[in-house]
Amino acid sequence: MTQSLGKILIIEDDRFVRKAYEAKLTLAGFAVITAIDGGEAIELTKTEKPDLVLLDLMLPVVSGFEYLKVIKENPETKDIPIVIISNLGQDEDVKRGMDMGAETYFVKAKVKIEEMVERIKELVAKRA
């Protein structure tokens, strides 16, 4: 068994998109856990302590912005890097996500999964 590059929590309610990210990140050498809504994601973040979170903003139950607020206010989880990947591409959404503590903000329609994986590798390596 090879050493994992780190543990990534993918929070994405779209099954197809979630599976695509999971496949690419697993192939890149990461251990991957997934959540389909913000409420489940908050619990997983607290129990699993991932090395990085890949966060969609448009989520059922608890939105991505609400999730971000809860995680960044908790002393045990506030230092976990969060990468937003969303279809919300308006400047105000990007600014809000970054102001709330996200490391990077990708607009789904404008980013290749490979670029996203490279950025995730950089952020996890920086944290190690």
N, C-alpha and C. Protein backbone atom coordinates (compact mmCIF):
# COMPACT_ATOMS: atom_id res chain seq x y z
N MET A 1 0.84 -1.20 0.00
CA MET A 1 0.00 0.00 0.00
C MET A 1 0.88 1.25 0.00
N THR A 2 0.69 2.10 -0.97
CA THR A 2 1.48 3.31 -1.04
C THR A 2 0.91 4.35 -0.07
N GLN A 3 1.78 5.23 0.35
CA GLN A 3 1.40 6.31 1.27
C GLN A 3 0.50 7.30 0.54
N SER A 4 -0.62 7.65 1.16
CA SER A 4 -1.54 8.63 0.59
C SER A 4 -0.93 10.03 0.70
N LEU A 5 -1.24 10.87 -0.26
CA LEU A 5 -0.78 12.27 -0.23
C LEU A 5 -1.52 13.07 0.83
N GLY A 6 -2.65 12.56 1.27
CA GLY A 6 -3.46 13.26 2.25
C GLY A 6 -4.92 12.88 2.07
N LYS A 7 -5.73 13.35 3.00
CA LYS A 7 -7.16 13.02 2.99
C LYS A 7 -7.95 14.24 2.52
N ILE A 8 -8.76 14.03 1.49
CA ILE A 8 -9.56 15.11 0.91
C ILE A 8 -11.04 14.81 1.17
N LEU A 9 -11.76 15.80 1.66
CA LEU A 9 -13.21 15.69 1.79
C LEU A 9 -13.83 16.45 0.62
N ILE A 10 -14.59 15.73 -0.20
CA ILE A 10 -15.30 16.34 -1.32
C ILE A 10 -16.75 16.54 -0.89
N ILE A 11 -17.22 17.78 -0.93
CA ILE A 11 -18.60 18.09 -0.59
C ILE A 11 -19.29 18.54 -1.87
N GLU A 12 -20.07 17.64 -2.44
CA GLU A 12 -20.68 17.87 -3.75
C GLU A 12 -21.94 17.03 -3.85
N ASP A 13 -23.08 17.68 -4.13
CA ASP A 13 -24.35 16.94 -4.18
C ASP A 13 -24.62 16.30 -5.54
N ASP A 14 -23.92 16.74 -6.59
CA ASP A 14 -24.11 16.15 -7.91
C ASP A 14 -23.28 14.86 -8.00
N ARG A 15 -23.97 13.73 -8.11
CA ARG A 15 -23.30 12.42 -8.08
C ARG A 15 -22.24 12.29 -9.16
N PHE A 16 -22.55 12.71 -10.39
CA PHE A 16 -21.61 12.59 -11.49
C PHE A 16 -20.34 13.41 -11.23
N VAL A 17 -20.52 14.65 -10.83
CA VAL A 17 -19.38 15.54 -10.55
C VAL A 17 -18.56 14.99 -9.38
N ARG A 18 -19.25 14.56 -8.32
CA ARG A 18 -18.58 14.01 -7.15
C ARG A 18 -17.71 12.81 -7.52
N LYS A 19 -18.27 11.91 -8.32
CA LYS A 19 -17.53 10.70 -8.73
C LYS A 19 -16.32 11.08 -9.60
N ALA A 20 -16.47 12.08 -10.45
CA ALA A 20 -15.36 12.52 -11.31
C ALA A 20 -14.22 13.08 -10.46
N TYR A 21 -14.54 13.93 -9.50
CA TYR A 21 -13.51 14.49 -8.61
C TYR A 21 -12.86 13.38 -7.78
N GLU A 22 -13.70 12.48 -7.27
CA GLU A 22 -13.20 11.39 -6.44
C GLU A 22 -12.22 10.52 -7.24
N ALA A 23 -12.58 10.19 -8.48
CA ALA A 23 -11.71 9.36 -9.32
C ALA A 23 -10.37 10.05 -9.59
N LYS A 24 -10.42 11.34 -9.96
CA LYS A 24 -9.17 12.07 -10.27
C LYS A 24 -8.27 12.22 -9.05
N LEU A 25 -8.87 12.53 -7.90
CA LEU A 25 -8.07 12.72 -6.68
C LEU A 25 -7.51 11.40 -6.15
N THR A 26 -8.27 10.33 -6.28
CA THR A 26 -7.80 9.00 -5.87
C THR A 26 -6.63 8.59 -6.77
N LEU A 27 -6.79 8.82 -8.06
CA LEU A 27 -5.74 8.51 -9.03
C LEU A 27 -4.46 9.32 -8.74
N ALA A 28 -4.64 10.53 -8.25
CA ALA A 28 -3.50 11.40 -7.93
C ALA A 28 -2.82 10.98 -6.62
N GLY A 29 -3.44 10.06 -5.88
CA GLY A 29 -2.80 9.54 -4.67
C GLY A 29 -3.41 9.99 -3.36
N PHE A 30 -4.58 10.61 -3.42
CA PHE A 30 -5.24 11.06 -2.19
C PHE A 30 -6.24 10.02 -1.69
N ALA A 31 -6.43 10.00 -0.38
CA ALA A 31 -7.54 9.26 0.21
C ALA A 31 -8.72 10.22 0.15
N VAL A 32 -9.87 9.74 -0.29
CA VAL A 32 -11.02 10.62 -0.50
C VAL A 32 -12.23 10.16 0.32
N ILE A 33 -12.86 11.13 0.97
CA ILE A 33 -14.15 10.90 1.62
C ILE A 33 -15.12 11.91 1.01
N THR A 34 -16.40 11.56 1.01
CA THR A 34 -17.36 12.44 0.35
C THR A 34 -18.58 12.72 1.22
N ALA A 35 -19.18 13.86 0.96
CA ALA A 35 -20.44 14.25 1.61
C ALA A 35 -21.32 14.86 0.53
N ILE A 36 -22.64 14.70 0.68
CA ILE A 36 -23.54 15.25 -0.33
C ILE A 36 -24.31 16.46 0.15
N ASP A 37 -24.17 16.81 1.44
CA ASP A 37 -24.79 18.04 1.92
C ASP A 37 -23.93 18.65 3.02
N GLY A 38 -24.17 19.93 3.28
CA GLY A 38 -23.34 20.66 4.23
C GLY A 38 -23.44 20.15 5.66
N GLY A 39 -24.60 19.65 6.05
CA GLY A 39 -24.76 19.13 7.41
C GLY A 39 -23.89 17.91 7.65
N GLU A 40 -23.96 16.96 6.72
CA GLU A 40 -23.12 15.75 6.79
C GLU A 40 -21.64 16.15 6.75
N ALA A 41 -21.33 17.14 5.91
CA ALA A 41 -19.95 17.59 5.74
C ALA A 41 -19.37 18.18 7.02
N ILE A 42 -20.17 18.92 7.78
CA ILE A 42 -19.69 19.50 9.04
C ILE A 42 -19.28 18.38 9.99
N GLU A 43 -20.11 17.36 10.10
CA GLU A 43 -19.79 16.23 10.98
C GLU A 43 -18.54 15.50 10.52
N LEU A 44 -18.44 15.23 9.21
CA LEU A 44 -17.27 14.53 8.68
C LEU A 44 -16.00 15.35 8.87
N THR A 45 -16.10 16.65 8.74
CA THR A 45 -14.91 17.51 8.92
C THR A 45 -14.41 17.40 10.35
N LYS A 46 -15.34 17.41 11.30
CA LYS A 46 -14.96 17.32 12.71
C LYS A 46 -14.38 15.95 13.06
N THR A 47 -14.96 14.87 12.52
CA THR A 47 -14.51 13.52 12.90
C THR A 47 -13.31 13.06 12.08
N GLU A 48 -13.26 13.39 10.80
CA GLU A 48 -12.20 12.90 9.91
C GLU A 48 -10.98 13.81 9.83
N LYS A 49 -11.13 15.07 10.16
CA LYS A 49 -10.04 16.05 10.07
C LYS A 49 -9.27 15.93 8.73
N PRO A 50 -9.96 16.20 7.62
CA PRO A 50 -9.28 16.07 6.32
C PRO A 50 -8.15 17.08 6.18
N ASP A 51 -7.23 16.79 5.26
CA ASP A 51 -6.11 17.69 4.99
C ASP A 51 -6.56 18.86 4.12
N LEU A 52 -7.68 18.67 3.43
CA LEU A 52 -8.22 19.73 2.58
C LEU A 52 -9.68 19.40 2.26
N VAL A 53 -10.48 20.43 2.08
CA VAL A 53 -11.89 20.25 1.72
C VAL A 53 -12.13 20.88 0.35
N LEU A 54 -12.79 20.12 -0.51
CA LEU A 54 -13.23 20.61 -1.82
C LEU A 54 -14.72 20.86 -1.68
N LEU A 55 -15.12 22.12 -1.74
CA LEU A 55 -16.47 22.53 -1.36
C LEU A 55 -17.28 23.12 -2.50
N ASP A 56 -18.43 22.51 -2.76
CA ASP A 56 -19.42 23.11 -3.65
C ASP A 56 -20.25 24.06 -2.78
N LEU A 57 -20.76 25.14 -3.34
CA LEU A 57 -21.54 26.10 -2.55
C LEU A 57 -23.04 25.82 -2.57
N MET A 58 -23.52 25.29 -3.70
CA MET A 58 -24.95 25.02 -3.85
C MET A 58 -25.24 23.62 -3.32
N LEU A 59 -25.55 23.54 -2.03
CA LEU A 59 -25.75 22.25 -1.38
C LEU A 59 -27.10 22.18 -0.68
N PRO A 60 -27.66 20.97 -0.57
CA PRO A 60 -28.89 20.83 0.23
C PRO A 60 -28.57 20.89 1.73
N VAL A 61 -29.57 21.11 2.53
CA VAL A 61 -29.53 21.13 4.00
C VAL A 61 -28.77 22.35 4.53
N VAL A 62 -27.45 22.34 4.39
CA VAL A 62 -26.61 23.46 4.83
C VAL A 62 -25.80 23.91 3.61
N SER A 63 -25.89 25.18 3.24
CA SER A 63 -25.18 25.66 2.04
C SER A 63 -23.67 25.66 2.26
N GLY A 64 -22.94 25.78 1.15
CA GLY A 64 -21.49 25.84 1.24
C GLY A 64 -21.01 27.04 2.04
N PHE A 65 -21.68 28.17 1.89
CA PHE A 65 -21.29 29.36 2.66
C PHE A 65 -21.52 29.13 4.16
N GLU A 66 -22.65 28.50 4.50
CA GLU A 66 -22.92 28.20 5.92
C GLU A 66 -21.88 27.22 6.47
N TYR A 67 -21.56 26.20 5.67
CA TYR A 67 -20.53 25.23 6.06
C TYR A 67 -19.21 25.95 6.34
N LEU A 68 -18.81 26.81 5.43
CA LEU A 68 -17.56 27.55 5.55
C LEU A 68 -17.53 28.36 6.85
N LYS A 69 -18.62 29.02 7.16
CA LYS A 69 -18.72 29.81 8.38
C LYS A 69 -18.51 28.94 9.62
N VAL A 70 -19.21 27.81 9.68
CA VAL A 70 -19.11 26.91 10.84
C VAL A 70 -17.69 26.36 10.99
N ILE A 71 -17.09 25.92 9.89
CA ILE A 71 -15.76 25.31 9.94
C ILE A 71 -14.70 26.34 10.32
N LYS A 72 -14.78 27.54 9.78
CA LYS A 72 -13.78 28.56 10.07
C LYS A 72 -13.93 29.16 11.47
N GLU A 73 -15.11 29.01 12.09
CA GLU A 73 -15.31 29.51 13.46
C GLU A 73 -14.90 28.48 14.51
N ASN A 74 -14.70 27.23 14.11
CA ASN A 74 -14.34 26.17 15.05
C ASN A 74 -12.81 26.08 15.16
N PRO A 75 -12.25 26.26 16.37
CA PRO A 75 -10.79 26.22 16.54
C PRO A 75 -10.16 24.91 16.07
N GLU A 76 -10.90 23.81 16.12
CA GLU A 76 -10.35 22.51 15.72
C GLU A 76 -10.31 22.32 14.21
N THR A 77 -11.11 23.09 13.47
CA THR A 77 -11.18 22.88 12.02
C THR A 77 -10.82 24.13 11.21
N LYS A 78 -10.59 25.25 11.87
CA LYS A 78 -10.42 26.52 11.15
C LYS A 78 -9.19 26.56 10.23
N ASP A 79 -8.18 25.72 10.51
CA ASP A 79 -6.96 25.75 9.70
C ASP A 79 -6.98 24.79 8.51
N ILE A 80 -8.06 24.03 8.35
CA ILE A 80 -8.15 23.12 7.21
C ILE A 80 -8.37 23.95 5.95
N PRO A 81 -7.50 23.80 4.94
CA PRO A 81 -7.68 24.58 3.70
C PRO A 81 -8.97 24.16 2.98
N ILE A 82 -9.68 25.15 2.49
CA ILE A 82 -10.92 24.88 1.77
C ILE A 82 -10.80 25.46 0.36
N VAL A 83 -11.06 24.60 -0.63
CA VAL A 83 -11.06 25.00 -2.03
C VAL A 83 -12.51 24.96 -2.49
N ILE A 84 -13.01 26.11 -2.91
CA ILE A 84 -14.38 26.17 -3.42
C ILE A 84 -14.38 25.83 -4.90
N ILE A 85 -15.32 24.97 -5.29
CA ILE A 85 -15.54 24.66 -6.70
C ILE A 85 -17.04 24.80 -6.93
N SER A 86 -17.44 25.84 -7.64
CA SER A 86 -18.86 26.16 -7.73
C SER A 86 -19.24 26.69 -9.10
N ASN A 87 -20.53 26.61 -9.39
CA ASN A 87 -21.04 27.26 -10.60
C ASN A 87 -21.34 28.73 -10.34
N LEU A 88 -21.31 29.14 -9.07
CA LEU A 88 -21.49 30.55 -8.73
C LEU A 88 -20.21 31.28 -9.10
N GLY A 89 -20.24 31.99 -10.21
CA GLY A 89 -19.02 32.62 -10.70
C GLY A 89 -19.03 34.14 -10.61
N GLN A 90 -20.07 34.71 -10.02
CA GLN A 90 -20.14 36.16 -9.88
C GLN A 90 -19.02 36.66 -8.97
N ASP A 91 -18.51 37.83 -9.27
CA ASP A 91 -17.42 38.40 -8.46
C ASP A 91 -17.77 38.45 -6.98
N GLU A 92 -19.03 38.81 -6.67
CA GLU A 92 -19.39 38.92 -5.25
C GLU A 92 -19.38 37.56 -4.55
N ASP A 93 -19.73 36.48 -5.28
CA ASP A 93 -19.67 35.13 -4.68
C ASP A 93 -18.22 34.72 -4.42
N VAL A 94 -17.37 34.99 -5.41
CA VAL A 94 -15.95 34.66 -5.27
C VAL A 94 -15.36 35.44 -4.09
N LYS A 95 -15.63 36.74 -4.05
CA LYS A 95 -15.11 37.58 -2.97
C LYS A 95 -15.62 37.08 -1.62
N ARG A 96 -16.91 36.77 -1.53
CA ARG A 96 -17.47 36.29 -0.27
C ARG A 96 -16.79 35.00 0.18
N GLY A 97 -16.61 34.06 -0.73
CA GLY A 97 -15.95 32.80 -0.40
C GLY A 97 -14.53 33.01 0.09
N MET A 98 -13.80 33.86 -0.60
CA MET A 98 -12.40 34.13 -0.22
C MET A 98 -12.35 34.88 1.12
N ASP A 99 -13.24 35.85 1.29
CA ASP A 99 -13.29 36.61 2.55
C ASP A 99 -13.63 35.71 3.73
N MET A 100 -14.39 34.64 3.47
CA MET A 100 -14.78 33.73 4.54
C MET A 100 -13.69 32.71 4.86
N GLY A 101 -12.60 32.73 4.10
CA GLY A 101 -11.47 31.88 4.46
C GLY A 101 -11.08 30.80 3.47
N ALA A 102 -11.72 30.77 2.29
CA ALA A 102 -11.32 29.78 1.29
C ALA A 102 -9.93 30.11 0.76
N GLU A 103 -9.17 29.08 0.41
CA GLU A 103 -7.81 29.25 -0.14
C GLU A 103 -7.86 29.60 -1.62
N THR A 104 -8.78 28.97 -2.32
CA THR A 104 -8.90 29.12 -3.76
C THR A 104 -10.36 28.98 -4.14
N TYR A 105 -10.75 29.61 -5.24
CA TYR A 105 -12.13 29.54 -5.71
C TYR A 105 -12.09 29.20 -7.19
N PHE A 106 -12.64 28.05 -7.55
CA PHE A 106 -12.72 27.65 -8.95
C PHE A 106 -14.18 27.71 -9.41
N VAL A 107 -14.39 28.21 -10.62
CA VAL A 107 -15.71 28.15 -11.23
C VAL A 107 -15.72 26.89 -12.09
N LYS A 108 -16.68 26.00 -11.80
CA LYS A 108 -16.71 24.68 -12.45
C LYS A 108 -16.57 24.75 -13.96
N ALA A 109 -17.30 25.66 -14.60
CA ALA A 109 -17.30 25.74 -16.06
C ALA A 109 -15.96 26.21 -16.63
N LYS A 110 -15.12 26.80 -15.78
CA LYS A 110 -13.88 27.41 -16.27
C LYS A 110 -12.61 26.68 -15.86
N VAL A 111 -12.73 25.56 -15.15
CA VAL A 111 -11.52 24.89 -14.67
C VAL A 111 -11.48 23.44 -15.12
N LYS A 112 -10.28 23.00 -15.49
CA LYS A 112 -10.09 21.59 -15.79
C LYS A 112 -9.81 20.87 -14.47
N ILE A 113 -10.31 19.65 -14.35
CA ILE A 113 -10.10 18.90 -13.11
C ILE A 113 -8.61 18.76 -12.82
N GLU A 114 -7.80 18.59 -13.86
CA GLU A 114 -6.34 18.44 -13.67
C GLU A 114 -5.73 19.67 -12.99
N GLU A 115 -6.19 20.86 -13.39
CA GLU A 115 -5.69 22.11 -12.77
C GLU A 115 -6.07 22.13 -11.29
N MET A 116 -7.29 21.73 -11.01
CA MET A 116 -7.77 21.71 -9.64
C MET A 116 -6.95 20.73 -8.80
N VAL A 117 -6.67 19.56 -9.35
CA VAL A 117 -5.88 18.55 -8.63
C VAL A 117 -4.48 19.09 -8.33
N GLU A 118 -3.88 19.78 -9.29
CA GLU A 118 -2.54 20.36 -9.07
C GLU A 118 -2.57 21.38 -7.94
N ARG A 119 -3.59 22.22 -7.91
CA ARG A 119 -3.71 23.23 -6.85
C ARG A 119 -3.90 22.55 -5.49
N ILE A 120 -4.69 21.50 -5.46
CA ILE A 120 -4.92 20.75 -4.22
C ILE A 120 -3.61 20.14 -3.73
N LYS A 121 -2.83 19.57 -4.66
CA LYS A 121 -1.52 19.00 -4.29
C LYS A 121 -0.63 20.07 -3.65
N GLU A 122 -0.61 21.26 -4.26
CA GLU A 122 0.20 22.37 -3.73
C GLU A 122 -0.23 22.73 -2.31
N LEU A 123 -1.53 22.88 -2.11
CA LEU A 123 -2.05 23.30 -0.81
C LEU A 123 -1.78 22.25 0.28
N VAL A 124 -1.95 20.97 -0.06
CA VAL A 124 -1.72 19.91 0.92
C VAL A 124 -0.23 19.81 1.24
N ALA A 125 0.62 19.94 0.22
CA ALA A 125 2.08 19.87 0.44
C ALA A 125 2.53 21.04 1.33
N LYS A 126 1.94 22.20 1.11
CA LYS A 126 2.29 23.38 1.90
C LYS A 126 1.93 23.18 3.37
N ARG A 127 0.90 22.42 3.59
CA ARG A 127 0.38 22.20 4.94
C ARG A 127 1.17 21.10 5.69
N ALA A 128 1.78 20.19 4.92
CA ALA A 128 2.45 19.02 5.52
C ALA A 128 3.68 19.39 6.35
